[in-house]
C-alpha atoms as a PDB file:
ATOM      1  CA  MET A   1      66.617 249.080 -14.924  1.00  0.00           C
ATOM      2  CA  SER A   2      64.818 246.446 -12.880  1.00  0.00           C
ATOM      3  CA  LEU A   3      65.656 246.051  -9.221  1.00  0.00           C
ATOM      4  CA  SER A   4      66.884 242.487  -9.781  1.00  0.00           C
ATOM      5  CA  LEU A   5      69.333 243.633 -12.487  1.00  0.00           C
ATOM      6  CA  HIS A   6      70.487 246.530 -10.321  1.00  0.00           C
ATOM      7  CA  LEU A   7      71.184 244.134  -7.439  1.00  0.00           C
ATOM      8  CA  ALA A   8      72.881 241.660  -9.793  1.00  0.00           C
ATOM      9  CA  HIS A   9      75.065 244.477 -11.175  1.00  0.00           C
ATOM     10  CA  THR A  10      76.146 245.482  -7.672  1.00  0.00           C
ATOM     11  CA  PHE A  11      76.758 241.857  -6.642  1.00  0.00           C
ATOM     12  CA  LEU A  12      78.872 241.106  -9.732  1.00  0.00           C
ATOM     13  CA  GLN A  13      80.921 244.312  -9.497  1.00  0.00           C
ATOM     14  CA  TYR A  14      81.589 243.759  -5.787  1.00  0.00           C
ATOM     15  CA  ASN A  15      82.660 240.143  -6.329  1.00  0.00           C
ATOM     16  CA  LEU A  16      84.998 240.943  -9.216  1.00  0.00           C
ATOM     17  CA  HIS A  17      86.697 243.728  -7.260  1.00  0.00           C
ATOM     18  CA  SER A  18      86.981 241.588  -4.123  1.00  0.00           C
ATOM     19  CA  MET A  19      88.819 238.995  -6.275  1.00  0.00           C
ATOM     20  CA  GLN A  20      91.296 241.685  -7.397  1.00  0.00           C
ATOM     21  CA  PHE A  21      89.787 242.168 -10.871  1.00  0.00           C
ATOM     22  CA  THR A  22      89.731 245.898 -10.149  1.00  0.00           C
ATOM     23  CA  HIS A  23      90.361 246.826 -13.799  1.00  0.00           C
ATOM     24  CA  LEU A  24      86.929 245.453 -14.728  1.00  0.00           C
ATOM     25  CA  LEU A  25      83.634 247.319 -14.674  1.00  0.00           C
ATOM     26  CA  VAL A  26      80.042 246.136 -15.018  1.00  0.00           C
ATOM     27  CA  ARG A  27      77.115 247.867 -16.683  1.00  0.00           C
ATOM     28  CA  VAL A  28      73.531 246.903 -17.403  1.00  0.00           C
ATOM     29  CA  GLN A  29      72.398 246.790 -21.024  1.00  0.00           C
ATOM     30  CA  GLN A  30      68.754 245.757 -21.496  1.00  0.00           C
ATOM     31  CA  SER A  31      68.559 242.324 -19.790  1.00  0.00           C
ATOM     32  CA  GLN A  32      72.317 241.775 -19.751  1.00  0.00           C
ATOM     33  CA  LEU A  33      75.231 242.429 -17.447  1.00  0.00           C
ATOM     34  CA  VAL A  34      78.274 243.490 -19.453  1.00  0.00           C
ATOM     35  CA  VAL A  35      81.734 242.984 -17.931  1.00  0.00           C
ATOM     36  CA  TYR A  36      84.238 245.277 -19.615  1.00  0.00           C
ATOM     37  CA  SER A  37      87.560 247.048 -19.215  1.00  0.00           C
ATOM     38  CA  LYS A  38      88.848 250.376 -20.491  1.00  0.00           C
ATOM     39  CA  GLU A  39      91.805 249.907 -22.846  1.00  0.00           C
ATOM     40  CA  LYS A  40      93.318 253.111 -24.240  1.00  0.00           C
ATOM     41  CA  ASP A  41      90.040 254.937 -23.545  1.00  0.00           C
ATOM     42  CA  GLU A  42      88.077 252.274 -25.433  1.00  0.00           C
ATOM     43  CA  GLU A  43      85.504 250.000 -23.825  1.00  0.00           C
ATOM     44  CA  VAL A  44      86.397 246.332 -24.373  1.00  0.00           C
ATOM     45  CA  THR A  45      83.732 243.754 -23.555  1.00  0.00           C
ATOM     46  CA  ARG A  46      85.139 240.746 -21.714  1.00  0.00           C
ATOM     47  CA  ALA A  47      82.025 238.776 -20.715  1.00  0.00           C
ATOM     48  CA  LEU A  48      78.264 238.953 -20.895  1.00  0.00           C
ATOM     49  CA  PHE A  49      75.643 237.561 -18.533  1.00  0.00           C
ATOM     50  CA  THR A  50      72.289 237.344 -20.322  1.00  0.00           C
ATOM     51  CA  GLU A  51      69.282 237.035 -18.045  1.00  0.00           C
ATOM     52  CA  PHE A  52      66.957 234.320 -19.299  1.00  0.00           C
ATOM     53  CA  LYS A  53      64.811 233.472 -16.297  1.00  0.00           C
ATOM     54  CA  LYS A  54      64.448 234.726 -12.754  1.00  0.00           C
ATOM     55  CA  ASN A  55      67.978 234.771 -11.304  1.00  0.00           C
ATOM     56  CA  GLY A  56      69.255 232.673 -14.224  1.00  0.00           C
ATOM     57  CA  TYR A  57      71.958 233.752 -16.661  1.00  0.00           C
ATOM     58  CA  LEU A  58      73.719 232.458 -19.750  1.00  0.00           C
ATOM     59  CA  LEU A  59      77.441 233.263 -19.756  1.00  0.00           C
ATOM     60  CA  SER A  60      79.203 234.410 -22.936  1.00  0.00           C
ATOM     61  CA  VAL A  61      82.857 235.432 -23.206  1.00  0.00           C
ATOM     62  CA  ALA A  62      84.823 237.437 -25.746  1.00  0.00           C
ATOM     63  CA  ASN A  63      87.267 235.610 -27.992  1.00  0.00           C
ATOM     64  CA  HIS A  64      90.686 236.989 -28.990  1.00  0.00           C
ATOM     65  CA  ARG A  65      89.022 239.192 -31.613  1.00  0.00           C
ATOM     66  CA  GLY A  66      86.462 240.578 -29.178  1.00  0.00           C
ATOM     67  CA  LYS A  67      83.507 238.616 -30.564  1.00  0.00           C
ATOM     68  CA  LEU A  68      81.196 237.229 -27.894  1.00  0.00           C
ATOM     69  CA  GLN A  69      80.865 233.456 -27.842  1.00  0.00           C
ATOM     70  CA  PRO A  70      78.242 231.630 -25.776  1.00  0.00           C
ATOM     71  CA  THR A  71      79.526 229.103 -23.264  1.00  0.00           C
ATOM     72  CA  PRO A  72      77.718 225.996 -22.008  1.00  0.00           C
ATOM     73  CA  PHE A  73      77.528 227.587 -18.558  1.00  0.00           C
ATOM     74  CA  VAL A  74      74.086 228.569 -17.271  1.00  0.00           C
ATOM     75  CA  GLY A  75      73.056 229.361 -13.697  1.00  0.00           C
ATOM     76  CA  THR A  76      72.846 232.015 -11.041  1.00  0.00           C
ATOM     77  CA  LEU A  77      75.531 234.655 -10.637  1.00  0.00           C
ATOM     78  CA  GLY A  78      76.692 232.705  -7.592  1.00  0.00           C
ATOM     79  CA  ASP A  79      77.231 229.681  -9.851  1.00  0.00           C
ATOM     80  CA  LEU A  80      78.795 231.549 -12.768  1.00  0.00           C
ATOM     81  CA  ILE A  81      81.195 233.983 -11.088  1.00  0.00           C
ATOM     82  CA  PRO A  82      83.544 231.163  -9.956  1.00  0.00           C
ATOM     83  CA  VAL A  83      83.457 229.681 -13.485  1.00  0.00           C
ATOM     84  CA  LEU A  84      84.336 233.039 -15.047  1.00  0.00           C
ATOM     85  CA  THR A  85      87.090 233.824 -12.544  1.00  0.00           C
ATOM     86  CA  SER A  86      88.733 230.376 -12.653  1.00  0.00           C
ATOM     87  CA  LYS A  87      88.047 228.234 -15.748  1.00  0.00           C
ATOM     88  CA  LEU A  88      87.603 231.253 -18.023  1.00  0.00           C
ATOM     89  CA  ALA A  89      89.882 233.722 -16.231  1.00  0.00           C
ATOM     90  CA  ALA A  90      92.052 234.318 -19.313  1.00  0.00           C
ATOM     91  CA  VAL A  91      89.339 236.552 -20.795  1.00  0.00           C
ATOM     92  CA  LEU A  92      89.531 238.767 -17.702  1.00  0.00           C
ATOM     93  CA  ALA A  93      93.317 239.219 -17.679  1.00  0.00           C
ATOM     94  CA  ARG A  94      94.738 242.728 -17.656  1.00  0.00           C
ATOM     95  CA  TRP A  95      96.138 243.751 -21.018  1.00  0.00           C
ATOM     96  CA  PRO A  96      99.791 244.860 -21.064  1.00  0.00           C
END
């Protein structure tokens, strides 16, 4: 794992937990940051940040069937975290 992805992972996890999304976890997979939750001992992907240039990411979110869909949102984690946690917050909601 590159240092930049390790730092991005830590930054994203910290920000999600500080916003009370404590049921969400983040892991690094190749050049992506995967936001997921554990539902009945199964990992459920909620969002994906794909690194495409230095400090730049493309945001994708899971639809109601769990399939990842790209969004038009591109930017730094600092730009995209507020988008994910406000405009797209439904994909992060805790399951009953």
